[in-house]
N, C-alpha and C. Protein backbone atom coordinates (compact mmCIF):
# COMPACT_ATOMS: atom_id res chain seq x y z
N MET A 1 -39.61 -7.20 -14.92
CA MET A 1 -38.88 -7.54 -13.87
C MET A 1 -39.50 -8.74 -13.59
N ASP A 2 -39.84 -10.28 -13.47
CA ASP A 2 -40.83 -10.87 -12.89
C ASP A 2 -40.12 -11.58 -11.54
N ASN A 3 -42.09 -11.43 -10.92
CA ASN A 3 -41.62 -11.84 -9.19
C ASN A 3 -40.68 -11.86 -8.33
N GLY A 4 -39.61 -13.28 -9.04
CA GLY A 4 -38.78 -14.16 -8.76
C GLY A 4 -37.78 -13.48 -8.66
N SER A 5 -37.21 -11.54 -9.65
CA SER A 5 -36.25 -11.28 -9.62
C SER A 5 -35.94 -10.02 -8.29
N GLN A 6 -37.65 -10.13 -9.01
CA GLN A 6 -37.74 -8.53 -7.74
C GLN A 6 -38.10 -9.14 -6.67
N GLY A 7 -38.03 -10.34 -5.93
CA GLY A 7 -37.80 -10.87 -4.56
C GLY A 7 -36.08 -10.88 -4.09
N ASN A 8 -35.82 -11.16 -5.56
CA ASN A 8 -33.50 -11.68 -5.34
C ASN A 8 -32.98 -9.92 -4.72
N ARG A 9 -33.99 -8.85 -5.75
CA ARG A 9 -33.53 -8.06 -5.55
C ARG A 9 -34.36 -7.06 -4.35
N ASP A 10 -35.21 -7.63 -3.70
CA ASP A 10 -35.03 -7.05 -2.50
C ASP A 10 -34.41 -7.46 -0.66
N SER A 11 -34.25 -9.24 -1.44
CA SER A 11 -33.33 -9.95 -0.85
C SER A 11 -31.93 -8.70 0.23
N VAL A 12 -31.14 -8.76 -1.61
CA VAL A 12 -29.99 -7.78 -1.78
C VAL A 12 -30.06 -6.68 -0.68
N VAL A 13 -30.83 -5.56 -1.77
CA VAL A 13 -31.20 -4.16 -0.41
C VAL A 13 -31.78 -4.68 0.97
N ASP A 14 -32.40 -5.66 1.77
CA ASP A 14 -32.51 -6.32 2.23
C ASP A 14 -31.19 -6.86 3.52
N VAL A 15 -30.84 -7.66 3.28
CA VAL A 15 -28.86 -7.58 3.39
C VAL A 15 -28.57 -6.53 3.44
N MET A 16 -27.96 -5.88 2.53
CA MET A 16 -27.18 -4.51 2.52
C MET A 16 -28.43 -3.68 3.26
N ASN A 17 -28.84 -2.45 3.65
CA ASN A 17 -29.48 -2.05 4.86
C ASN A 17 -28.91 -2.38 6.09
N ALA A 18 -29.39 -3.72 6.54
CA ALA A 18 -29.17 -4.44 7.62
C ALA A 18 -27.80 -4.75 8.13
N ASN A 19 -26.17 -4.37 6.89
CA ASN A 19 -25.16 -4.62 7.00
C ASN A 19 -24.91 -3.11 7.49
N LYS A 20 -25.39 -2.37 6.92
CA LYS A 20 -25.57 -0.69 7.13
C LYS A 20 -26.06 -0.38 8.53
N GLU A 21 -26.55 -0.41 9.02
CA GLU A 21 -27.88 -0.76 9.74
C GLU A 21 -26.50 -1.31 11.18
N MET A 22 -26.50 -2.85 11.10
CA MET A 22 -25.22 -2.98 11.97
C MET A 22 -23.85 -2.79 12.28
N HIS A 23 -23.71 -2.12 11.25
CA HIS A 23 -22.66 -1.24 11.51
C HIS A 23 -22.54 0.56 11.94
N GLU A 24 -23.60 0.40 11.77
CA GLU A 24 -23.87 1.62 12.35
C GLU A 24 -24.10 1.87 14.21
N GLU A 25 -25.10 0.38 14.72
CA GLU A 25 -25.05 0.24 16.02
C GLU A 25 -23.42 -0.36 16.37
N ASN A 26 -22.39 -0.55 15.55
CA ASN A 26 -21.19 -0.53 16.18
C ASN A 26 -20.69 0.17 15.89
N ALA A 27 -20.35 1.05 15.11
CA ALA A 27 -19.94 2.53 15.53
C ALA A 27 -20.72 3.13 16.62
N LYS A 28 -21.60 3.54 16.88
CA LYS A 28 -22.06 3.81 18.52
C LYS A 28 -21.69 2.64 18.88
N GLN A 29 -21.19 1.63 19.88
CA GLN A 29 -20.54 0.86 20.37
C GLN A 29 -19.51 1.28 20.72
N ASP A 30 -18.66 1.36 19.46
CA ASP A 30 -17.42 1.39 19.44
C ASP A 30 -17.01 3.61 19.31
N GLU A 31 -17.96 4.32 19.60
CA GLU A 31 -18.46 5.86 20.03
C GLU A 31 -17.65 6.35 18.99
N ILE A 32 -17.65 5.98 17.28
CA ILE A 32 -17.60 5.53 16.23
C ILE A 32 -18.84 6.82 15.61
N THR A 33 -18.36 7.94 15.17
CA THR A 33 -18.99 9.02 13.92
C THR A 33 -19.00 8.50 12.56
N LEU A 34 -20.10 7.82 11.87
CA LEU A 34 -19.76 7.66 10.54
C LEU A 34 -19.66 8.36 10.06
N PRO A 35 -19.40 8.71 9.40
CA PRO A 35 -19.66 9.96 8.13
C PRO A 35 -20.41 10.14 7.86
N GLU A 36 -21.41 11.62 6.74
CA GLU A 36 -22.40 12.02 6.67
C GLU A 36 -22.56 10.68 4.88
N GLU A 37 -21.19 10.89 4.82
CA GLU A 37 -22.26 10.37 2.77
C GLU A 37 -22.24 8.62 2.86
N THR A 38 -22.27 8.42 3.91
CA THR A 38 -22.48 7.19 4.16
C THR A 38 -23.45 6.44 4.02
N ASN A 39 -24.26 6.15 2.86
CA ASN A 39 -25.12 5.36 2.62
C ASN A 39 -25.16 4.20 1.78
N ILE A 40 -26.40 3.26 1.40
CA ILE A 40 -26.18 2.09 0.44
C ILE A 40 -26.18 3.15 -1.31
N GLN A 41 -26.74 3.91 -1.26
CA GLN A 41 -26.48 4.90 -2.98
C GLN A 41 -25.34 5.60 -3.33
N ASN A 42 -24.27 5.93 -2.17
CA ASN A 42 -23.22 6.40 -2.55
C ASN A 42 -22.66 6.95 -1.55
N THR A 43 -21.42 5.89 -1.81
CA THR A 43 -20.59 5.29 -1.16
C THR A 43 -19.15 5.56 -1.89
N SER A 44 -19.20 6.57 -2.91
CA SER A 44 -18.08 7.41 -3.70
C SER A 44 -17.28 7.41 -2.76
N VAL A 45 -17.44 7.93 -1.83
CA VAL A 45 -15.46 8.42 -0.50
C VAL A 45 -15.65 7.87 0.23
N SER A 46 -16.76 7.45 1.03
CA SER A 46 -16.22 6.93 1.67
C SER A 46 -16.77 5.29 1.42
N ASN A 47 -16.12 4.26 1.44
CA ASN A 47 -16.43 2.80 1.04
C ASN A 47 -16.43 2.34 2.82
N ILE A 48 -17.32 1.11 2.72
CA ILE A 48 -17.40 0.81 3.99
C ILE A 48 -16.92 -1.50 3.73
N ILE A 49 -16.07 -1.18 4.30
CA ILE A 49 -15.52 -2.79 4.32
C ILE A 49 -14.99 -2.80 6.05
N GLY A 50 -15.43 -4.42 6.30
CA GLY A 50 -15.84 -4.61 7.74
C GLY A 50 -16.31 -3.65 8.57
N GLY A 51 -16.53 -2.55 7.40
CA GLY A 51 -16.31 -1.31 9.21
C GLY A 51 -15.79 -0.71 9.02
N ILE A 52 -14.72 -0.83 8.57
CA ILE A 52 -13.61 0.80 8.46
C ILE A 52 -14.05 1.56 7.02
N TYR A 53 -13.83 2.58 7.06
CA TYR A 53 -14.38 3.08 6.05
C TYR A 53 -12.92 4.24 6.08
N ILE A 54 -13.19 3.95 4.64
CA ILE A 54 -12.00 4.67 3.20
C ILE A 54 -12.55 5.87 3.04
N ASP A 55 -11.93 6.97 2.88
CA ASP A 55 -12.24 7.68 2.73
C ASP A 55 -11.14 7.93 1.40
N THR A 56 -11.49 7.41 0.16
CA THR A 56 -10.30 8.10 -0.89
C THR A 56 -9.72 9.16 -1.23
N GLU A 57 -10.71 10.68 -1.20
CA GLU A 57 -9.90 11.68 -1.65
C GLU A 57 -8.89 12.24 -0.41
N ALA A 58 -9.19 11.01 0.98
CA ALA A 58 -8.07 11.59 2.16
C ALA A 58 -6.65 10.83 1.55
N VAL A 59 -7.01 9.98 0.89
CA VAL A 59 -5.63 8.05 0.46
C VAL A 59 -5.27 9.55 -0.57
N TYR A 60 -5.42 10.37 -1.55
CA TYR A 60 -4.65 10.25 -2.45
C TYR A 60 -4.37 12.20 -1.53
N ASN A 61 -5.25 12.42 -1.10
CA ASN A 61 -4.40 14.05 -0.16
C ASN A 61 -3.21 14.13 0.05
N LYS A 62 -3.65 12.61 0.83
CA LYS A 62 -2.13 11.72 1.96
C LYS A 62 -0.89 12.60 0.41
N ALA A 63 -1.11 11.51 -0.11
CA ALA A 63 -0.31 10.72 -1.09
C ALA A 63 0.59 11.54 -1.95
N ASN A 64 -0.28 13.09 -2.34
CA ASN A 64 0.16 14.58 -2.55
C ASN A 64 0.93 14.88 -1.13
N GLU A 65 0.55 14.67 -0.60
CA GLU A 65 1.57 15.52 0.87
C GLU A 65 2.66 14.54 1.02
N LEU A 66 2.68 13.13 0.85
CA LEU A 66 3.71 13.08 1.33
C LEU A 66 4.57 12.68 -0.53
N SER A 67 4.54 13.20 -1.30
CA SER A 67 5.42 12.78 -2.38
C SER A 67 5.84 14.97 -2.43
N THR A 68 4.92 15.87 -1.68
CA THR A 68 5.64 17.30 -0.99
C THR A 68 7.06 16.66 -0.38
N VAL A 69 6.44 15.48 0.63
CA VAL A 69 7.28 15.84 1.89
C VAL A 69 8.72 15.44 1.43
N ASN A 70 8.48 14.13 0.57
CA ASN A 70 9.97 13.22 -0.74
C ASN A 70 10.88 14.75 -1.05
N GLU A 71 9.86 15.98 -2.00
CA GLU A 71 10.25 16.51 -2.38
C GLU A 71 11.28 17.76 -1.57
N ASN A 72 10.50 17.62 -0.99
CA ASN A 72 11.43 18.66 -0.22
C ASN A 72 13.07 18.12 0.45
N ILE A 73 12.30 16.63 1.15
CA ILE A 73 13.56 16.07 1.75
C ILE A 73 15.23 16.40 0.75
N GLY A 74 14.59 15.69 -0.99
CA GLY A 74 15.54 15.24 -1.95
C GLY A 74 15.93 17.19 -1.81
N ASP A 75 14.99 18.36 -2.34
CA ASP A 75 16.12 18.90 -2.40
C ASP A 75 17.04 19.67 -1.51
N GLU A 76 16.82 19.48 0.28
CA GLU A 76 17.38 19.64 1.35
C GLU A 76 18.99 18.70 1.48
N PHE A 77 18.40 17.75 0.88
CA PHE A 77 20.17 16.56 0.29
C PHE A 77 21.20 17.41 -1.10
N GLN A 78 20.07 17.63 -1.82
CA GLN A 78 20.82 18.50 -3.40
C GLN A 78 21.61 19.56 -2.21
N ASN A 79 20.69 20.02 -1.25
CA ASN A 79 21.95 21.38 -1.23
C ASN A 79 22.95 20.86 0.00
N LEU A 80 22.96 19.65 0.58
CA LEU A 80 23.87 19.29 1.37
C LEU A 80 24.99 18.37 0.04
N ILE A 81 24.68 17.49 -0.30
CA ILE A 81 26.00 17.67 -1.34
C ILE A 81 26.16 19.03 -1.78
N GLN A 82 25.70 19.82 -2.34
CA GLN A 82 26.49 20.85 -2.79
C GLN A 82 27.85 21.34 -1.20
N THR A 83 27.23 21.14 -0.58
CA THR A 83 28.12 21.76 0.74
C THR A 83 29.01 20.82 0.46
N MET A 84 28.96 19.48 1.07
CA MET A 84 29.83 18.41 1.18
C MET A 84 30.37 18.31 -0.52
N THR A 85 30.22 19.76 -1.40
CA THR A 85 31.23 19.69 -2.95
C THR A 85 32.18 20.41 -2.49
N ASN A 86 31.49 21.56 -1.64
CA ASN A 86 32.41 22.74 -1.41
C ASN A 86 33.70 22.00 -0.08
N LEU A 87 33.32 21.75 0.39
CA LEU A 87 33.66 20.71 1.91
C LEU A 87 34.90 20.36 0.78
N ASP A 88 34.88 19.46 0.65
CA ASP A 88 35.22 18.65 -0.22
C ASP A 88 36.71 19.22 -1.03
N ASN A 89 36.14 20.30 -2.45
CA ASN A 89 36.89 21.09 -2.70
C ASN A 89 37.82 21.88 -1.88
N ASN A 90 38.52 21.88 -0.98
CA ASN A 90 38.78 22.90 0.72
C ASN A 90 39.27 22.40 1.44
N TRP A 91 38.96 21.23 1.52
CA TRP A 91 39.19 19.97 3.21
C TRP A 91 39.97 19.38 2.56
N ASN A 92 41.71 19.41 3.02
CA ASN A 92 42.34 18.06 1.83
C ASN A 92 43.29 17.70 3.36
N CYS A 93 42.29 16.73 3.91
CA CYS A 93 43.25 15.98 4.44
C CYS A 93 43.23 13.99 5.11
N SER A 94 43.28 13.34 5.42
CA SER A 94 42.34 12.31 5.92
C SER A 94 40.94 12.20 6.65
N ALA A 95 40.76 13.50 7.37
CA ALA A 95 39.57 13.46 8.59
C ALA A 95 38.35 13.92 7.08
N ALA A 96 38.61 14.51 5.62
CA ALA A 96 37.83 15.00 5.52
C ALA A 96 37.75 13.66 3.64
N ASP A 97 38.82 13.18 3.65
CA ASP A 97 38.41 11.90 3.15
C ASP A 97 37.30 10.74 3.99
N ASN A 98 37.55 10.54 4.72
CA ASN A 98 36.36 9.57 5.18
C ASN A 98 35.31 10.24 5.50
N ALA A 99 34.90 11.65 5.99
CA ALA A 99 33.72 12.61 6.30
C ALA A 99 33.08 11.76 4.79
N ILE A 100 34.34 12.35 3.70
CA ILE A 100 33.55 12.23 2.28
C ILE A 100 33.06 11.12 1.95
N SER A 101 33.49 9.97 2.47
CA SER A 101 33.22 8.47 2.31
C SER A 101 31.69 8.37 2.75
N SER A 102 31.98 8.80 3.97
CA SER A 102 30.80 8.87 5.08
C SER A 102 29.47 9.60 3.93
N PHE A 103 29.98 9.92 3.73
CA PHE A 103 29.25 11.11 2.66
C PHE A 103 28.44 10.23 1.64
N GLU A 104 29.52 9.75 1.28
CA GLU A 104 28.48 9.35 -0.21
C GLU A 104 27.82 7.39 0.07
N SER A 105 28.25 7.23 1.32
CA SER A 105 27.56 6.08 1.45
C SER A 105 26.60 6.02 2.11
N ILE A 106 26.11 7.67 2.45
CA ILE A 106 24.97 8.64 3.32
C ILE A 106 23.78 8.98 1.99
N LYS A 107 25.01 9.23 0.63
CA LYS A 107 23.72 9.70 -0.38
C LYS A 107 23.10 8.84 -1.11
N THR A 108 23.92 6.51 -1.13
CA THR A 108 23.52 6.24 -1.49
C THR A 108 22.22 5.83 -1.16
N ASP A 109 21.59 5.66 0.42
CA ASP A 109 20.79 4.90 1.44
C ASP A 109 19.49 6.27 0.93
N MET A 110 20.40 7.41 0.35
CA MET A 110 18.64 8.68 0.69
C MET A 110 18.65 8.68 -0.95
N ASN A 111 19.32 8.32 -2.23
CA ASN A 111 18.62 7.96 -3.27
C ASN A 111 18.18 7.28 -3.68
N SER A 112 18.12 5.51 -2.13
CA SER A 112 17.02 4.25 -1.86
C SER A 112 16.07 4.57 -1.09
N ARG A 113 15.84 5.71 -0.07
CA ARG A 113 14.77 6.22 0.35
C ARG A 113 14.07 7.12 -0.35
N GLU A 114 14.39 7.58 -0.94
CA GLU A 114 13.38 8.63 -2.12
C GLU A 114 12.85 7.04 -2.94
N ALA A 115 13.65 6.49 -3.80
CA ALA A 115 12.74 5.89 -4.85
C ALA A 115 11.98 5.28 -4.30
N GLU A 116 12.32 4.20 -2.39
CA GLU A 116 11.38 3.72 -1.87
C GLU A 116 10.02 4.60 -1.32
N MET A 117 10.16 5.96 -1.00
CA MET A 117 9.42 7.05 -0.59
C MET A 117 8.33 6.94 -2.57
N ASN A 118 8.54 6.49 -3.61
CA ASN A 118 7.84 7.23 -4.83
C ASN A 118 7.13 5.88 -4.94
N ASN A 119 7.55 5.09 -4.19
CA ASN A 119 6.82 3.22 -5.17
C ASN A 119 5.42 4.01 -4.01
N HIS A 120 5.72 4.10 -2.67
CA HIS A 120 4.72 3.60 -2.04
C HIS A 120 3.68 4.75 -1.97
N ILE A 121 3.76 6.11 -2.28
CA ILE A 121 3.37 6.81 -2.91
C ILE A 121 2.61 6.39 -4.55
N ASN A 122 3.31 6.04 -5.37
CA ASN A 122 2.85 5.76 -6.18
C ASN A 122 1.26 4.20 -6.36
N ILE A 123 1.83 3.45 -5.16
CA ILE A 123 0.14 2.42 -5.27
C ILE A 123 -0.57 2.76 -4.51
N LEU A 124 -0.30 4.35 -3.34
CA LEU A 124 -1.21 4.73 -3.08
C LEU A 124 -2.10 5.41 -4.03
N LYS A 125 -1.46 5.72 -4.63
CA LYS A 125 -2.50 6.92 -5.68
C LYS A 125 -2.69 5.71 -6.97
N ASN A 126 -2.14 4.73 -6.99
CA ASN A 126 -2.45 4.14 -8.75
C ASN A 126 -3.01 2.90 -8.83
N VAL A 127 -3.17 2.06 -7.32
CA VAL A 127 -3.84 1.57 -6.17
C VAL A 127 -4.20 0.75 -6.06
N VAL A 128 -4.17 1.90 -4.00
CA VAL A 128 -4.98 1.45 -3.21
C VAL A 128 -6.19 2.51 -3.43
N ALA A 129 -6.12 3.53 -3.76
CA ALA A 129 -7.86 4.44 -3.71
C ALA A 129 -8.24 4.48 -5.10
N PRO A 130 -8.12 4.23 -6.02
CA PRO A 130 -8.69 3.63 -7.86
C PRO A 130 -9.29 1.98 -6.96
N GLY A 131 -8.26 1.50 -6.56
CA GLY A 131 -8.71 -0.15 -6.53
C GLY A 131 -9.98 0.19 -5.17
N TYR A 132 -10.03 0.64 -4.55
CA TYR A 132 -11.60 0.95 -3.65
C TYR A 132 -12.74 1.71 -4.59
N GLU A 133 -12.22 2.37 -5.19
CA GLU A 133 -13.06 2.11 -6.43
C GLU A 133 -13.50 2.26 -6.57
N ASP A 134 -12.45 1.63 -7.53
CA ASP A 134 -13.68 0.56 -8.87
C ASP A 134 -13.91 -0.52 -7.93
N THR A 135 -13.69 -0.75 -6.27
CA THR A 135 -14.81 -1.58 -5.78
C THR A 135 -16.38 -1.52 -5.72
N GLU A 136 -16.32 -0.48 -4.90
CA GLU A 136 -17.35 0.89 -4.80
C GLU A 136 -18.17 0.88 -6.10
N THR A 137 -18.00 1.10 -7.11
CA THR A 137 -19.08 1.25 -7.90
C THR A 137 -18.97 -0.17 -8.49
N THR A 138 -18.23 -1.70 -8.46
CA THR A 138 -19.00 -2.90 -9.14
C THR A 138 -19.59 -2.95 -8.10
N ASN A 139 -19.79 -2.76 -6.95
CA ASN A 139 -20.76 -3.41 -6.46
C ASN A 139 -22.20 -2.57 -6.16
N THR A 140 -22.14 -1.29 -6.10
CA THR A 140 -23.25 -0.74 -6.99
C THR A 140 -23.47 -1.04 -8.04
N ASN A 141 -22.94 -1.14 -8.68
CA ASN A 141 -23.18 -1.84 -9.91
C ASN A 141 -24.28 -3.25 -10.33
N LEU A 142 -23.46 -3.51 -9.35
CA LEU A 142 -24.75 -4.87 -9.24
C LEU A 142 -25.88 -5.23 -8.36
N ALA A 143 -25.31 -3.84 -7.54
CA ALA A 143 -26.94 -3.62 -6.61
C ALA A 143 -27.70 -3.35 -7.58
N ASN A 144 -27.81 -2.61 -7.99
CA ASN A 144 -28.78 -1.38 -9.48
C ASN A 144 -28.68 -2.28 -10.03
N ALA A 145 -28.08 -3.59 -10.76
CA ALA A 145 -28.75 -4.68 -11.08
C ALA A 145 -30.25 -5.22 -10.41
N PHE A 146 -29.91 -5.52 -9.44
CA PHE A 146 -31.07 -5.50 -9.28
C PHE A 146 -32.92 -5.23 -8.40
N LYS A 147 -32.36 -3.43 -9.30
CA LYS A 147 -33.33 -2.81 -8.91
C LYS A 147 -34.57 -3.22 -10.40
């Protein structure tokens, strides 16, 4: 490595370390505790972006939790559908027709809600968390290129 490349690498490392120190100082001022794993060499779990620390494992965990809740809501709604079907079979009057009609409207909304939640969950799992990890890997590789 020539002296020019070494100087560039040292400058980048100095800037990265100064940025880290600035974030640490800002965190102290804001009474924020930085994650232990936050350092220039190993930021795969918590990525530094303008002073915001992204814990990608927590993003995956929250997406899985949302998925479980969404499934539970769907299961409970299926139980409600069965109850309404049983009610429809045994309740014959205009009030029953109105109740069943209203329920059908709710059923359509619930299907849309479930699909929308699945879209958000998939974005968290397949775009957000991997995006932060890919960006951090790229940044780490770029920093290592100057070593």
